[in-house]
């Protein structure tokens, strides 16, 4: 009975395991032979495409008003997305870029008899520009988003995939124009260069699926120590 159960579970495990396919050139990837080596990147390759950072609730910003040091200060956006400044009053900062918020503050100051105000806004720290990483990763949680964040980098931020992760079942949940959307991705295929590593944006939710075969293997090994070593050897 034990031998039959071992064979049955081994069949299920091997059917669910991903094969290590070689990396080959494709429309998304150019494989360079070892003898040539990778060429150096060009300047435009070293910067990501423009993804403006938006001010959100509880972010900390630095506001500098040229030639008016009494108005320059560090501010925290309140929970409703607003800031309050002397002479400028209360301003809605939520969802604006630093430049857009600078213009809004200039307009408010100009209306309070400040002649030709010049305002600069910098985001000092952001708690609103985050991605949620859940499921089978080592450390699920909230992680800050930069303009170079991609799916593989997000997973690396969460300390990688867990023991039971299903690489071909990674979902990105995103709201686009008020509509909830979901994309299904295969991390193993991205690592092989089969298609591009997708960009990650603020408020995305990444969910890494669970592999029942891996979990079944763990449970079976814990109950059958006698055949654990041969099973592990075959899987490796």
Protein backbone atom coordinates (compact mmCIF):
# COMPACT_ATOMS: atom_id res chain seq x y z
CA UNK A 1 0.00 0.00 0.00
CA UNK A 2 2.81 2.40 0.89
CA UNK A 3 4.64 1.58 -2.36
CA UNK A 4 1.46 2.20 -4.39
CA UNK A 5 0.81 5.51 -2.64
CA UNK A 6 4.38 6.62 -3.23
CA UNK A 7 4.14 5.88 -6.95
CA UNK A 8 0.82 7.69 -7.22
CA UNK A 9 2.06 10.81 -5.48
CA UNK A 10 5.33 10.77 -7.43
CA UNK A 11 3.31 10.74 -10.67
CA UNK A 12 1.29 13.75 -9.52
CA UNK A 13 4.42 15.58 -8.45
CA UNK A 14 6.37 15.03 -11.64
CA UNK A 15 3.33 16.07 -13.70
CA UNK A 16 3.13 19.38 -11.86
CA UNK A 17 6.85 20.24 -11.84
CA UNK A 18 8.13 22.82 -14.32
CA UNK A 19 10.93 21.85 -16.68
CA UNK A 20 14.12 23.91 -16.81
CA UNK A 21 14.02 25.01 -20.43
CA UNK A 22 17.15 26.61 -21.94
CA UNK A 23 17.17 30.36 -22.56
CA UNK A 24 16.93 31.08 -26.29
CA UNK A 25 16.62 34.23 -28.39
CA UNK A 26 13.10 35.48 -29.06
CA UNK A 27 11.26 38.65 -29.98
CA UNK A 28 11.75 39.90 -26.42
CA UNK A 29 15.28 38.63 -25.77
CA UNK A 30 18.62 38.41 -27.55
CA UNK A 31 20.93 35.72 -26.19
CA UNK A 32 24.61 36.66 -26.49
CA UNK A 33 27.19 33.84 -26.75
CA UNK A 34 29.76 33.54 -23.96
CA UNK A 35 32.56 34.45 -26.35
CA UNK A 36 31.05 37.87 -27.10
CA UNK A 37 29.86 38.95 -23.69
CA UNK A 38 27.12 41.45 -22.96
CA UNK A 39 27.58 44.93 -24.49
CA UNK A 40 27.57 47.98 -22.22
CA UNK A 41 24.19 49.75 -21.89
CA UNK A 42 23.61 53.10 -23.52
CA UNK A 43 22.64 56.16 -21.51
CA UNK A 44 18.92 55.84 -22.24
CA UNK A 45 19.05 52.22 -21.05
CA UNK A 46 20.06 53.33 -17.54
CA UNK A 47 16.85 55.22 -16.83
CA UNK A 48 13.32 53.90 -16.71
CA UNK A 49 10.47 55.37 -18.70
CA UNK A 50 8.83 58.36 -17.06
CA UNK A 51 6.36 57.23 -14.42
CA UNK A 52 5.41 60.34 -12.45
CA UNK A 53 5.29 59.98 -8.67
CA UNK A 54 2.00 61.21 -7.27
CA UNK A 55 1.46 62.76 -3.86
CA UNK A 56 -0.88 60.77 -1.62
CA UNK A 57 -2.25 60.73 1.92
CA UNK A 58 0.35 60.69 4.73
CA UNK A 59 3.25 61.41 2.35
CA UNK A 60 5.88 63.84 3.58
CA UNK A 61 6.81 66.70 1.22
CA UNK A 62 9.24 69.60 1.29
CA UNK A 63 7.83 72.93 0.09
CA UNK A 64 10.32 75.70 -0.73
CA UNK A 65 9.12 79.21 -1.62
CA UNK A 66 11.87 81.22 -3.30
CA UNK A 67 12.87 84.33 -1.31
CA UNK A 68 10.19 83.64 1.32
CA UNK A 69 11.95 81.38 3.87
CA UNK A 70 9.14 81.76 6.42
CA UNK A 71 6.83 79.87 4.05
CA UNK A 72 9.30 77.08 3.26
CA UNK A 73 8.68 73.98 5.35
CA UNK A 74 8.29 70.22 5.55
CA UNK A 75 4.68 69.08 5.53
CA UNK A 76 2.83 65.81 5.92
CA UNK A 77 -0.21 65.31 3.74
CA UNK A 78 -3.20 64.54 5.94
CA UNK A 79 -5.36 61.42 5.65
CA UNK A 80 -7.75 63.19 3.26
CA UNK A 81 -4.91 64.18 0.91
CA UNK A 82 -4.70 67.87 1.85
CA UNK A 83 -1.98 70.21 3.10
CA UNK A 84 -2.30 73.53 4.94
CA UNK A 85 0.14 76.44 4.51
CA UNK A 86 0.23 80.01 5.81
CA UNK A 87 -1.27 82.42 3.25
CA UNK A 88 -1.97 79.57 0.84
CA UNK A 89 -4.63 77.96 3.02
CA UNK A 90 -5.76 74.36 2.49
CA UNK A 91 -4.79 72.73 -0.80
CA UNK A 92 -5.76 69.34 -2.19
CA UNK A 93 -2.47 67.54 -2.89
CA UNK A 94 -3.78 64.04 -3.54
CA UNK A 95 -3.07 62.58 -6.97
CA UNK A 96 -0.86 65.47 -8.08
CA UNK A 97 2.74 65.39 -9.20
CA UNK A 98 5.30 67.59 -7.45
CA UNK A 99 5.17 70.06 -10.34
CA UNK A 100 1.37 70.18 -10.35
CA UNK A 101 1.30 70.79 -6.60
CA UNK A 102 3.92 73.53 -6.96
CA UNK A 103 1.68 75.32 -9.47
CA UNK A 104 -1.34 74.95 -7.18
CA UNK A 105 0.56 76.48 -4.24
CA UNK A 106 1.84 79.32 -6.44
CA UNK A 107 -1.70 80.10 -7.54
CA UNK A 108 -2.95 80.09 -3.94
CA UNK A 109 -0.12 82.38 -2.78
CA UNK A 110 -0.64 84.74 -5.71
CA UNK A 111 -4.23 85.13 -4.61
CA UNK A 112 -3.00 86.18 -1.15
CA UNK A 113 -0.85 89.05 -2.46
CA UNK A 114 2.49 87.21 -2.71
CA UNK A 115 4.18 88.75 -5.73
CA UNK A 116 5.43 86.27 -8.35
CA UNK A 117 5.78 83.25 -6.04
CA UNK A 118 8.16 80.51 -7.13
CA UNK A 119 7.49 77.20 -5.39
CA UNK A 120 9.35 73.90 -5.49
CA UNK A 121 7.87 70.71 -4.05
CA UNK A 122 9.84 67.53 -3.39
CA UNK A 123 8.47 64.24 -2.04
CA UNK A 124 10.63 63.36 0.95
CA UNK A 125 8.97 60.06 1.79
CA UNK A 126 5.96 58.27 0.40
CA UNK A 127 3.66 55.76 2.07
CA UNK A 128 1.00 55.97 -0.62
CA UNK A 129 3.14 54.71 -3.51
CA UNK A 130 3.19 51.06 -2.51
CA UNK A 131 2.46 47.64 -3.98
CA UNK A 132 0.83 44.80 -2.06
CA UNK A 133 2.56 41.42 -2.45
CA UNK A 134 0.56 38.47 -1.15
CA UNK A 135 0.43 34.71 -1.45
CA UNK A 136 3.40 32.38 -1.72
CA UNK A 137 6.34 34.75 -1.22
CA UNK A 138 8.83 34.69 1.64
CA UNK A 139 7.69 37.99 3.16
CA UNK A 140 4.22 39.19 2.07
CA UNK A 141 3.48 42.84 2.75
CA UNK A 142 3.47 46.41 1.42
CA UNK A 143 6.53 47.58 -0.53
CA UNK A 144 7.42 51.02 -1.94
CA UNK A 145 7.12 51.48 -5.70
CA UNK A 146 9.79 53.21 -7.76
CA UNK A 147 9.67 54.11 -11.44
CA UNK A 148 11.80 51.04 -12.16
CA UNK A 149 9.64 48.49 -10.32
CA UNK A 150 8.81 45.33 -12.27
CA UNK A 151 7.21 42.02 -11.32
CA UNK A 152 10.53 40.21 -10.78
CA UNK A 153 11.89 43.12 -8.74
CA UNK A 154 8.73 43.21 -6.64
CA UNK A 155 9.02 39.49 -5.90
CA UNK A 156 12.69 39.98 -5.01
CA UNK A 157 11.66 42.77 -2.60
CA UNK A 158 9.47 40.20 -0.85
CA UNK A 159 12.54 37.95 -0.49
CA UNK A 160 11.56 35.69 -3.38
CA UNK A 161 9.06 32.90 -3.90
CA UNK A 162 8.20 30.55 -1.08
CA UNK A 163 8.52 26.77 -1.01
CA UNK A 164 5.01 26.19 -2.32
CA UNK A 165 4.88 28.96 -4.94
CA UNK A 166 3.33 28.18 -8.32
CA UNK A 167 5.47 30.15 -10.77
CA UNK A 168 2.97 30.00 -13.63
CA UNK A 169 0.15 31.34 -11.45
CA UNK A 170 1.13 34.91 -10.54
CA UNK A 171 -1.67 37.47 -10.76
CA UNK A 172 -1.39 41.26 -10.90
CA UNK A 173 -4.57 43.06 -9.84
CA UNK A 174 -4.88 46.67 -11.05
CA UNK A 175 -7.53 49.35 -11.30
CA UNK A 176 -7.56 51.06 -14.72
CA UNK A 177 -10.01 53.93 -15.37
CA UNK A 178 -12.13 52.75 -12.46
CA UNK A 179 -12.26 49.14 -13.69
CA UNK A 180 -10.69 46.26 -11.79
CA UNK A 181 -8.42 44.20 -14.04
CA UNK A 182 -6.27 41.11 -13.55
CA UNK A 183 -3.29 39.79 -15.50
CA UNK A 184 -1.90 36.26 -15.22
CA UNK A 185 1.87 35.86 -15.53
CA UNK A 186 4.40 33.04 -15.59
CA UNK A 187 7.51 34.00 -13.62
CA UNK A 188 9.53 31.10 -15.04
CA UNK A 189 8.73 32.24 -18.60
CA UNK A 190 9.75 35.83 -17.78
CA UNK A 191 13.04 34.57 -16.36
CA UNK A 192 13.66 32.69 -19.63
CA UNK A 193 12.97 35.88 -21.60
CA UNK A 194 9.82 34.52 -23.23
CA UNK A 195 8.17 37.90 -22.67
CA UNK A 196 8.95 41.18 -20.98
CA UNK A 197 9.03 41.66 -17.23
CA UNK A 198 5.82 43.70 -16.65
CA UNK A 199 5.95 47.08 -14.96
CA UNK A 200 4.44 47.45 -11.49
CA UNK A 201 2.57 50.59 -10.44
CA UNK A 202 1.37 52.04 -7.16
CA UNK A 203 -1.69 50.30 -5.69
CA UNK A 204 -1.07 47.10 -7.68
CA UNK A 205 -1.73 43.84 -5.84
CA UNK A 206 0.49 40.87 -6.69
CA UNK A 207 -0.76 37.43 -5.66
CA UNK A 208 1.51 34.40 -6.05
CA UNK A 209 -0.43 31.14 -6.33
CA UNK A 210 0.01 27.96 -4.33
CA UNK A 211 1.28 24.67 -5.75
CA UNK A 212 -0.81 21.76 -4.44
CA UNK A 213 1.76 19.27 -5.76
CA UNK A 214 4.58 20.79 -3.70
CA UNK A 215 2.40 20.97 -0.61
CA UNK A 216 1.28 17.36 -1.15
CA UNK A 217 4.90 16.30 -1.44
CA UNK A 218 5.76 18.00 1.88
CA UNK A 219 2.81 16.38 3.64
CA UNK A 220 3.56 12.96 2.19
CA UNK A 221 7.25 13.13 3.16
CA UNK A 222 6.34 14.04 6.72
CA UNK A 223 4.15 10.92 6.94
CA UNK A 224 6.50 8.57 5.06
CA UNK A 225 10.09 9.07 6.24
CA UNK A 226 11.19 5.72 4.82
CA UNK A 227 10.69 6.75 1.18
CA UNK A 228 11.44 10.45 1.62
CA UNK A 229 15.05 10.28 0.46
CA UNK A 230 14.37 8.47 -2.86
CA UNK A 231 11.53 10.89 -3.67
CA UNK A 232 13.72 13.90 -2.99
CA UNK A 233 16.54 12.48 -5.08
CA UNK A 234 14.21 11.91 -8.06
CA UNK A 235 12.68 15.39 -7.84
CA UNK A 236 16.04 17.09 -7.66
